[in-house]
Each structure stands twice: as structure tokens, then as C-alpha cells.
PDB file of N, CA and C in Angstrom:
ATOM      1  N   UNK A   1      66.741  -5.352 -23.976  1.00  0.00           N
ATOM      2  CA  UNK A   1      65.552  -5.789 -24.697  1.00  0.00           C
ATOM      3  C   UNK A   1      64.298  -5.501 -23.864  1.00  0.00           C
ATOM      4  N   UNK A   2      64.396  -5.738 -22.559  1.00  0.00           N
ATOM      5  CA  UNK A   2      63.244  -5.488 -21.695  1.00  0.00           C
ATOM      6  C   UNK A   2      62.815  -4.026 -21.771  1.00  0.00           C
ATOM      7  N   UNK A   3      63.775  -3.129 -21.741  1.00  0.00           N
ATOM      8  CA  UNK A   3      63.469  -1.701 -21.824  1.00  0.00           C
ATOM      9  C   UNK A   3      62.889  -1.333 -23.185  1.00  0.00           C
ATOM     10  N   UNK A   4      63.387  -1.952 -24.237  1.00  0.00           N
ATOM     11  CA  UNK A   4      62.861  -1.694 -25.579  1.00  0.00           C
ATOM     12  C   UNK A   4      61.402  -2.126 -25.679  1.00  0.00           C
ATOM     13  N   UNK A   5      61.098  -3.319 -25.166  1.00  0.00           N
ATOM     14  CA  UNK A   5      59.720  -3.816 -25.196  1.00  0.00           C
ATOM     15  C   UNK A   5      58.815  -2.876 -24.418  1.00  0.00           C
ATOM     16  N   UNK A   6      59.244  -2.509 -23.214  1.00  0.00           N
ATOM     17  CA  UNK A   6      58.450  -1.622 -22.367  1.00  0.00           C
ATOM     18  C   UNK A   6      58.200  -0.286 -23.073  1.00  0.00           C
ATOM     19  N   UNK A   7      59.241   0.299 -23.634  1.00  0.00           N
ATOM     20  CA  UNK A   7      59.114   1.600 -24.297  1.00  0.00           C
ATOM     21  C   UNK A   7      58.217   1.522 -25.528  1.00  0.00           C
ATOM     22  N   UNK A   8      58.397   0.503 -26.332  1.00  0.00           N
ATOM     23  CA  UNK A   8      57.609   0.367 -27.563  1.00  0.00           C
ATOM     24  C   UNK A   8      56.123   0.203 -27.235  1.00  0.00           C
ATOM     25  N   UNK A   9      55.795  -0.668 -26.282  1.00  0.00           N
ATOM     26  CA  UNK A   9      54.395  -0.907 -25.943  1.00  0.00           C
ATOM     27  C   UNK A   9      53.776   0.291 -25.225  1.00  0.00           C
ATOM     28  N   UNK A  10      54.546   0.943 -24.376  1.00  0.00           N
ATOM     29  CA  UNK A  10      54.047   2.135 -23.687  1.00  0.00           C
ATOM     30  C   UNK A  10      53.746   3.246 -24.690  1.00  0.00           C
ATOM     31  N   UNK A  11      54.656   3.477 -25.607  1.00  0.00           N
ATOM     32  CA  UNK A  11      54.479   4.546 -26.583  1.00  0.00           C
ATOM     33  C   UNK A  11      53.312   4.327 -27.525  1.00  0.00           C
ATOM     34  N   UNK A  12      53.073   3.085 -27.900  1.00  0.00           N
ATOM     35  CA  UNK A  12      52.042   2.803 -28.898  1.00  0.00           C
ATOM     36  C   UNK A  12      50.669   2.510 -28.291  1.00  0.00           C
ATOM     37  N   UNK A  13      50.634   1.962 -27.077  1.00  0.00           N
ATOM     38  CA  UNK A  13      49.364   1.471 -26.537  1.00  0.00           C
ATOM     39  C   UNK A  13      48.885   2.210 -25.292  1.00  0.00           C
ATOM     40  N   UNK A  14      49.690   3.110 -24.757  1.00  0.00           N
ATOM     41  CA  UNK A  14      49.310   3.889 -23.577  1.00  0.00           C
ATOM     42  C   UNK A  14      48.633   3.002 -22.525  1.00  0.00           C
ATOM     43  N   UNK A  15      49.326   1.969 -22.052  1.00  0.00           N
ATOM     44  CA  UNK A  15      48.693   1.007 -21.147  1.00  0.00           C
ATOM     45  C   UNK A  15      48.416   1.578 -19.759  1.00  0.00           C
ATOM     46  N   UNK A  16      47.386   1.036 -19.128  1.00  0.00           N
ATOM     47  CA  UNK A  16      47.117   1.369 -17.732  1.00  0.00           C
ATOM     48  C   UNK A  16      47.893   0.436 -16.812  1.00  0.00           C
ATOM     49  N   UNK A  17      48.346  -0.691 -17.338  1.00  0.00           N
ATOM     50  CA  UNK A  17      49.207  -1.622 -16.607  1.00  0.00           C
ATOM     51  C   UNK A  17      50.097  -2.331 -17.618  1.00  0.00           C
ATOM     52  N   UNK A  18      51.358  -2.509 -17.258  1.00  0.00           N
ATOM     53  CA  UNK A  18      52.297  -3.207 -18.138  1.00  0.00           C
ATOM     54  C   UNK A  18      53.386  -3.850 -17.292  1.00  0.00           C
ATOM     55  N   UNK A  19      53.508  -5.158 -17.429  1.00  0.00           N
ATOM     56  CA  UNK A  19      54.579  -5.912 -16.780  1.00  0.00           C
ATOM     57  C   UNK A  19      55.365  -6.629 -17.863  1.00  0.00           C
ATOM     58  N   UNK A  20      56.673  -6.456 -17.846  1.00  0.00           N
ATOM     59  CA  UNK A  20      57.563  -7.131 -18.782  1.00  0.00           C
ATOM     60  C   UNK A  20      58.596  -7.880 -17.947  1.00  0.00           C
ATOM     61  N   UNK A  21      58.607  -9.210 -18.060  1.00  0.00           N
ATOM     62  CA  UNK A  21      59.489 -10.037 -17.244  1.00  0.00           C
ATOM     63  C   UNK A  21      60.366 -10.885 -18.159  1.00  0.00           C
ATOM     64  N   UNK A  22      61.679 -10.804 -17.962  1.00  0.00           N
ATOM     65  CA  UNK A  22      62.629 -11.611 -18.714  1.00  0.00           C
ATOM     66  C   UNK A  22      62.670 -13.012 -18.105  1.00  0.00           C
ATOM     67  N   UNK A  23      62.236 -13.998 -18.867  1.00  0.00           N
ATOM     68  CA  UNK A  23      62.246 -15.391 -18.418  1.00  0.00           C
ATOM     69  C   UNK A  23      63.265 -16.217 -19.195  1.00  0.00           C
ATOM     70  N   UNK A  24      64.226 -15.545 -19.790  1.00  0.00           N
ATOM     71  CA  UNK A  24      65.213 -16.226 -20.627  1.00  0.00           C
ATOM     72  C   UNK A  24      65.973 -17.299 -19.878  1.00  0.00           C
ATOM     73  N   UNK A  25      66.260 -17.066 -18.591  1.00  0.00           N
ATOM     74  CA  UNK A  25      67.012 -18.049 -17.812  1.00  0.00           C
ATOM     75  C   UNK A  25      66.271 -19.376 -17.696  1.00  0.00           C
ATOM     76  N   UNK A  26      64.966 -19.364 -17.804  1.00  0.00           N
ATOM     77  CA  UNK A  26      64.169 -20.594 -17.735  1.00  0.00           C
ATOM     78  C   UNK A  26      64.226 -21.399 -19.031  1.00  0.00           C
ATOM     79  N   UNK A  27      64.793 -20.818 -20.072  1.00  0.00           N
ATOM     80  CA  UNK A  27      64.787 -21.450 -21.385  1.00  0.00           C
ATOM     81  C   UNK A  27      66.193 -21.765 -21.893  1.00  0.00           C
ATOM     82  N   UNK A  28      67.168 -21.718 -21.025  1.00  0.00           N
ATOM     83  CA  UNK A  28      68.543 -22.042 -21.421  1.00  0.00           C
ATOM     84  C   UNK A  28      68.574 -23.427 -22.065  1.00  0.00           C
ATOM     85  N   UNK A  29      69.214 -23.517 -23.203  1.00  0.00           N
ATOM     86  CA  UNK A  29      69.308 -24.782 -23.920  1.00  0.00           C
ATOM     87  C   UNK A  29      68.155 -25.045 -24.866  1.00  0.00           C
ATOM     88  N   UNK A  30      67.118 -24.235 -24.823  1.00  0.00           N
ATOM     89  CA  UNK A  30      65.971 -24.402 -25.720  1.00  0.00           C
ATOM     90  C   UNK A  30      66.189 -23.623 -27.012  1.00  0.00           C
ATOM     91  N   UNK A  31      65.337 -23.869 -27.972  1.00  0.00           N
ATOM     92  CA  UNK A  31      65.406 -23.163 -29.248  1.00  0.00           C
ATOM     93  C   UNK A  31      65.293 -21.663 -29.024  1.00  0.00           C
ATOM     94  N   UNK A  32      66.154 -20.924 -29.678  1.00  0.00           N
ATOM     95  CA  UNK A  32      66.102 -19.473 -29.613  1.00  0.00           C
ATOM     96  C   UNK A  32      66.833 -18.866 -28.439  1.00  0.00           C
ATOM     97  N   UNK A  33      67.201 -19.666 -27.452  1.00  0.00           N
ATOM     98  CA  UNK A  33      67.927 -19.143 -26.285  1.00  0.00           C
ATOM     99  C   UNK A  33      69.354 -18.818 -26.692  1.00  0.00           C
ATOM    100  N   UNK A  34      69.905 -17.795 -26.055  1.00  0.00           N
ATOM    101  CA  UNK A  34      71.294 -17.447 -26.323  1.00  0.00           C
ATOM    102  C   UNK A  34      71.945 -17.008 -25.014  1.00  0.00           C
ATOM    103  N   UNK A  35      73.246 -17.115 -24.949  1.00  0.00           N
ATOM    104  CA  UNK A  35      73.940 -16.687 -23.730  1.00  0.00           C
ATOM    105  C   UNK A  35      73.642 -15.213 -23.435  1.00  0.00           C
ATOM    106  N   UNK A  36      73.415 -14.913 -22.176  1.00  0.00           N
ATOM    107  CA  UNK A  36      73.131 -13.533 -21.795  1.00  0.00           C
ATOM    108  C   UNK A  36      71.655 -13.207 -21.769  1.00  0.00           C
ATOM    109  N   UNK A  37      70.802 -14.110 -22.250  1.00  0.00           N
ATOM    110  CA  UNK A  37      69.358 -13.907 -22.185  1.00  0.00           C
ATOM    111  C   UNK A  37      68.831 -12.924 -23.201  1.00  0.00           C
ATOM    112  N   UNK A  38      67.707 -12.301 -22.844  1.00  0.00           N
ATOM    113  CA  UNK A  38      67.075 -11.332 -23.729  1.00  0.00           C
ATOM    114  C   UNK A  38      66.274 -11.952 -24.853  1.00  0.00           C
ATOM    115  N   UNK A  39      65.863 -13.207 -24.684  1.00  0.00           N
ATOM    116  CA  UNK A  39      65.172 -13.892 -25.777  1.00  0.00           C
ATOM    117  C   UNK A  39      63.740 -14.296 -25.458  1.00  0.00           C
ATOM    118  N   UNK A  40      63.428 -14.520 -24.195  1.00  0.00           N
ATOM    119  CA  UNK A  40      62.112 -15.029 -23.787  1.00  0.00           C
ATOM    120  C   UNK A  40      61.511 -14.109 -22.726  1.00  0.00           C
ATOM    121  N   UNK A  41      60.316 -13.582 -23.005  1.00  0.00           N
ATOM    122  CA  UNK A  41      59.680 -12.632 -22.096  1.00  0.00           C
ATOM    123  C   UNK A  41      58.233 -12.999 -21.835  1.00  0.00           C
ATOM    124  N   UNK A  42      57.767 -12.600 -20.661  1.00  0.00           N
ATOM    125  CA  UNK A  42      56.355 -12.686 -20.293  1.00  0.00           C
ATOM    126  C   UNK A  42      55.854 -11.254 -20.176  1.00  0.00           C
ATOM    127  N   UNK A  43      54.765 -10.945 -20.898  1.00  0.00           N
ATOM    128  CA  UNK A  43      54.200  -9.596 -20.903  1.00  0.00           C
ATOM    129  C   UNK A  43      52.733  -9.664 -20.521  1.00  0.00           C
ATOM    130  N   UNK A  44      52.354  -8.819 -19.574  1.00  0.00           N
ATOM    131  CA  UNK A  44      50.948  -8.613 -19.232  1.00  0.00           C
ATOM    132  C   UNK A  44      50.662  -7.144 -19.450  1.00  0.00           C
ATOM    133  N   UNK A  45      49.685  -6.852 -20.317  1.00  0.00           N
ATOM    134  CA  UNK A  45      49.385  -5.472 -20.673  1.00  0.00           C
ATOM    135  C   UNK A  45      47.874  -5.241 -20.658  1.00  0.00           C
ATOM    136  N   UNK A  46      47.487  -4.090 -20.118  1.00  0.00           N
ATOM    137  CA  UNK A  46      46.085  -3.665 -20.112  1.00  0.00           C
ATOM    138  C   UNK A  46      46.041  -2.328 -20.835  1.00  0.00           C
ATOM    139  N   UNK A  47      45.230  -2.259 -21.883  1.00  0.00           N
ATOM    140  CA  UNK A  47      45.149  -1.040 -22.684  1.00  0.00           C
ATOM    141  C   UNK A  47      43.755  -0.886 -23.288  1.00  0.00           C
ATOM    142  N   UNK A  48      43.277   0.339 -23.327  1.00  0.00           N
ATOM    143  CA  UNK A  48      41.993   0.627 -23.973  1.00  0.00           C
ATOM    144  C   UNK A  48      42.050   0.324 -25.468  1.00  0.00           C
ATOM    145  N   UNK A  49      43.241   0.264 -26.044  1.00  0.00           N
ATOM    146  CA  UNK A  49      43.385  -0.066 -27.472  1.00  0.00           C
ATOM    147  C   UNK A  49      42.933  -1.489 -27.776  1.00  0.00           C
ATOM    148  N   UNK A  50      42.759  -2.309 -26.755  1.00  0.00           N
ATOM    149  CA  UNK A  50      42.323  -3.689 -26.966  1.00  0.00           C
ATOM    150  C   UNK A  50      40.809  -3.851 -26.909  1.00  0.00           C
ATOM    151  N   UNK A  51      40.092  -2.800 -26.553  1.00  0.00           N
ATOM    152  CA  UNK A  51      38.634  -2.901 -26.478  1.00  0.00           C
ATOM    153  C   UNK A  51      38.070  -3.269 -27.849  1.00  0.00           C
ATOM    154  N   UNK A  52      37.088  -4.158 -27.844  1.00  0.00           N
ATOM    155  CA  UNK A  52      36.403  -4.621 -29.049  1.00  0.00           C
ATOM    156  C   UNK A  52      37.349  -5.308 -30.046  1.00  0.00           C
ATOM    157  N   UNK A  53      38.461  -5.824 -29.569  1.00  0.00           N
ATOM    158  CA  UNK A  53      39.373  -6.605 -30.412  1.00  0.00           C
ATOM    159  C   UNK A  53      39.429  -8.026 -29.869  1.00  0.00           C
ATOM    160  N   UNK A  54      39.534  -8.969 -30.765  1.00  0.00           N
ATOM    161  CA  UNK A  54      39.649 -10.372 -30.357  1.00  0.00           C
ATOM    162  C   UNK A  54      41.036 -10.626 -29.779  1.00  0.00           C
ATOM    163  N   UNK A  55      41.168 -11.762 -29.145  1.00  0.00           N
ATOM    164  CA  UNK A  55      42.475 -12.141 -28.590  1.00  0.00           C
ATOM    165  C   UNK A  55      43.532 -12.197 -29.691  1.00  0.00           C
ATOM    166  N   UNK A  56      43.182 -12.744 -30.826  1.00  0.00           N
ATOM    167  CA  UNK A  56      44.116 -12.835 -31.952  1.00  0.00           C
ATOM    168  C   UNK A  56      44.508 -11.439 -32.438  1.00  0.00           C
ATOM    169  N   UNK A  57      43.547 -10.539 -32.556  1.00  0.00           N
ATOM    170  CA  UNK A  57      43.847  -9.175 -32.992  1.00  0.00           C
ATOM    171  C   UNK A  57      44.762  -8.459 -32.002  1.00  0.00           C
ATOM    172  N   UNK A  58      44.536  -8.678 -30.732  1.00  0.00           N
ATOM    173  CA  UNK A  58      45.380  -8.063 -29.700  1.00  0.00           C
ATOM    174  C   UNK A  58      46.809  -8.570 -29.805  1.00  0.00           C
ATOM    175  N   UNK A  59      46.961  -9.877 -29.932  1.00  0.00           N
ATOM    176  CA  UNK A  59      48.289 -10.465 -30.028  1.00  0.00           C
ATOM    177  C   UNK A  59      48.988 -10.011 -31.305  1.00  0.00           C
ATOM    178  N   UNK A  60      48.255  -9.982 -32.389  1.00  0.00           N
ATOM    179  CA  UNK A  60      48.836  -9.538 -33.660  1.00  0.00           C
ATOM    180  C   UNK A  60      49.339  -8.101 -33.546  1.00  0.00           C
ATOM    181  N   UNK A  61      48.568  -7.237 -32.895  1.00  0.00           N
ATOM    182  CA  UNK A  61      48.962  -5.848 -32.707  1.00  0.00           C
ATOM    183  C   UNK A  61      50.280  -5.759 -31.933  1.00  0.00           C
ATOM    184  N   UNK A  62      50.379  -6.494 -30.833  1.00  0.00           N
ATOM    185  CA  UNK A  62      51.601  -6.466 -30.022  1.00  0.00           C
ATOM    186  C   UNK A  62      52.782  -7.030 -30.809  1.00  0.00           C
ATOM    187  N   UNK A  63      52.587  -8.152 -31.470  1.00  0.00           N
ATOM    188  CA  UNK A  63      53.679  -8.749 -32.244  1.00  0.00           C
ATOM    189  C   UNK A  63      54.132  -7.811 -33.364  1.00  0.00           C
ATOM    190  N   UNK A  64      53.205  -7.141 -34.019  1.00  0.00           N
ATOM    191  CA  UNK A  64      53.574  -6.182 -35.062  1.00  0.00           C
ATOM    192  C   UNK A  64      54.382  -5.028 -34.489  1.00  0.00           C
ATOM    193  N   UNK A  65      53.999  -4.553 -33.306  1.00  0.00           N
ATOM    194  CA  UNK A  65      54.728  -3.463 -32.668  1.00  0.00           C
ATOM    195  C   UNK A  65      56.154  -3.871 -32.296  1.00  0.00           C
ATOM    196  N   UNK A  66      56.355  -5.155 -32.023  1.00  0.00           N
ATOM    197  CA  UNK A  66      57.668  -5.642 -31.599  1.00  0.00           C
ATOM    198  C   UNK A  66      58.459  -6.314 -32.725  1.00  0.00           C
ATOM    199  N   UNK A  67      58.121  -6.017 -33.964  1.00  0.00           N
ATOM    200  CA  UNK A  67      58.794  -6.645 -35.109  1.00  0.00           C
ATOM    201  C   UNK A  67      60.303  -6.417 -35.073  1.00  0.00           C
ATOM    202  N   UNK A  68      60.734  -5.222 -34.742  1.00  0.00           N
ATOM    203  CA  UNK A  68      62.177  -4.928 -34.696  1.00  0.00           C
ATOM    204  C   UNK A  68      62.861  -5.728 -33.595  1.00  0.00           C
ATOM    205  N   UNK A  69      62.184  -5.915 -32.472  1.00  0.00           N
ATOM    206  CA  UNK A  69      62.757  -6.689 -31.373  1.00  0.00           C
ATOM    207  C   UNK A  69      62.876  -8.162 -31.745  1.00  0.00           C
ATOM    208  N   UNK A  70      61.867  -8.697 -32.436  1.00  0.00           N
ATOM    209  CA  UNK A  70      61.962 -10.080 -32.907  1.00  0.00           C
ATOM    210  C   UNK A  70      63.106 -10.227 -33.904  1.00  0.00           C
ATOM    211  N   UNK A  71      63.292  -9.249 -34.752  1.00  0.00           N
ATOM    212  CA  UNK A  71      64.397  -9.292 -35.716  1.00  0.00           C
ATOM    213  C   UNK A  71      65.750  -9.193 -35.018  1.00  0.00           C
ATOM    214  N   UNK A  72      65.760  -8.631 -33.814  1.00  0.00           N
ATOM    215  CA  UNK A  72      66.991  -8.416 -33.058  1.00  0.00           C
ATOM    216  C   UNK A  72      67.278  -9.495 -32.024  1.00  0.00           C
ATOM    217  N   UNK A  73      66.505 -10.568 -32.000  1.00  0.00           N
ATOM    218  CA  UNK A  73      66.821 -11.674 -31.102  1.00  0.00           C
ATOM    219  C   UNK A  73      65.735 -12.076 -30.136  1.00  0.00           C
ATOM    220  N   UNK A  74      64.676 -11.286 -30.000  1.00  0.00           N
ATOM    221  CA  UNK A  74      63.539 -11.718 -29.189  1.00  0.00           C
ATOM    222  C   UNK A  74      62.973 -12.968 -29.851  1.00  0.00           C
ATOM    223  N   UNK A  75      62.848 -14.039 -29.072  1.00  0.00           N
ATOM    224  CA  UNK A  75      62.439 -15.308 -29.658  1.00  0.00           C
ATOM    225  C   UNK A  75      61.017 -15.717 -29.278  1.00  0.00           C
ATOM    226  N   UNK A  76      60.638 -15.457 -28.032  1.00  0.00           N
ATOM    227  CA  UNK A  76      59.332 -15.921 -27.560  1.00  0.00           C
ATOM    228  C   UNK A  76      58.719 -14.898 -26.615  1.00  0.00           C
ATOM    229  N   UNK A  77      57.393 -14.790 -26.715  1.00  0.00           N
ATOM    230  CA  UNK A  77      56.651 -13.843 -25.903  1.00  0.00           C
ATOM    231  C   UNK A  77      55.408 -14.541 -25.365  1.00  0.00           C
ATOM    232  N   UNK A  78      55.335 -14.690 -24.035  1.00  0.00           N
ATOM    233  CA  UNK A  78      54.119 -15.184 -23.383  1.00  0.00           C
ATOM    234  C   UNK A  78      53.299 -13.945 -23.093  1.00  0.00           C
ATOM    235  N   UNK A  79      52.134 -13.812 -23.715  1.00  0.00           N
ATOM    236  CA  UNK A  79      51.414 -12.553 -23.722  1.00  0.00           C
ATOM    237  C   UNK A  79      50.009 -12.687 -23.164  1.00  0.00           C
ATOM    238  N   UNK A  80      49.676 -11.774 -22.253  1.00  0.00           N
ATOM    239  CA  UNK A  80      48.303 -11.595 -21.778  1.00  0.00           C
ATOM    240  C   UNK A  80      47.958 -10.142 -22.093  1.00  0.00           C
ATOM    241  N   UNK A  81      46.968  -9.931 -22.953  1.00  0.00           N
ATOM    242  CA  UNK A  81      46.564  -8.589 -23.385  1.00  0.00           C
ATOM    243  C   UNK A  81      45.085  -8.404 -23.079  1.00  0.00           C
ATOM    244  N   UNK A  82      44.790  -7.469 -22.195  1.00  0.00           N
ATOM    245  CA  UNK A  82      43.418  -7.238 -21.736  1.00  0.00           C
ATOM    246  C   UNK A  82      43.023  -5.785 -21.952  1.00  0.00           C
ATOM    247  N   UNK A  83      41.717  -5.557 -22.050  1.00  0.00           N
ATOM    248  CA  UNK A  83      41.165  -4.213 -22.035  1.00  0.00           C
ATOM    249  C   UNK A  83      40.842  -3.869 -20.584  1.00  0.00           C
ATOM    250  N   UNK A  84      40.795  -2.587 -20.246  1.00  0.00           N
ATOM    251  CA  UNK A  84      40.463  -2.202 -18.868  1.00  0.00           C
ATOM    252  C   UNK A  84      39.131  -2.823 -18.436  1.00  0.00           C
ATOM    253  N   UNK A  85      39.087  -3.309 -17.212  1.00  0.00           N
ATOM    254  CA  UNK A  85      37.888  -3.915 -16.672  1.00  0.00           C
ATOM    255  C   UNK A  85      37.751  -5.395 -16.923  1.00  0.00           C
ATOM    256  N   UNK A  86      38.572  -5.957 -17.789  1.00  0.00           N
ATOM    257  CA  UNK A  86      38.528  -7.400 -18.032  1.00  0.00           C
ATOM    258  C   UNK A  86      39.299  -8.131 -16.939  1.00  0.00           C
ATOM    259  N   UNK A  87      38.787  -9.297 -16.551  1.00  0.00           N
ATOM    260  CA  UNK A  87      39.490 -10.066 -15.499  1.00  0.00           C
ATOM    261  C   UNK A  87      40.812 -10.636 -15.984  1.00  0.00           C
TER     262      UNK A  87
END
């Protein structure tokens, strides 16, 4: 799942920085968790595609790009989406 997320976001958003971290082990026993992980991720992405977009628009774009992954068991995404030059 981590590789799928990385590939999908890289292909669509051409990021200058992208970190995808599987945090599923921290959510064992919580809603959406399953044995073997692959359900909870933290993503930090910097892309020029986010310029002049609101935080909601940025998140919506990423969630739309990952629709197949959510359908396949991705349950939660902690997301930081920035444009280049933003702190």
C-alpha cells in the first residue's frame, strides 16, 4: 500500500518532496485496523499543484487520487500538503 500511495501521488502531482509513513502499528485495535497493517498512513507532500489551492482543495485532490487505495483497505491518512516555499 505504501508503494501504491507513493507511486500514485508521484505520478499525478510531481512532488518536490514526498514522505509516506505506515503508522498502522500505532492503530492496532482501532476502527479500520487490520492484521498486517497497511491501513493508516502519514503523508507529507510538497507540490506546485497545490499553489493557489485551499487546504480543503489540496486534501480533496489527494483523497480523490487515492480512491482506489481507500477502496482496497486504506482507512486513514494524516496529510500535510504544501506548495513549494510554504513553511
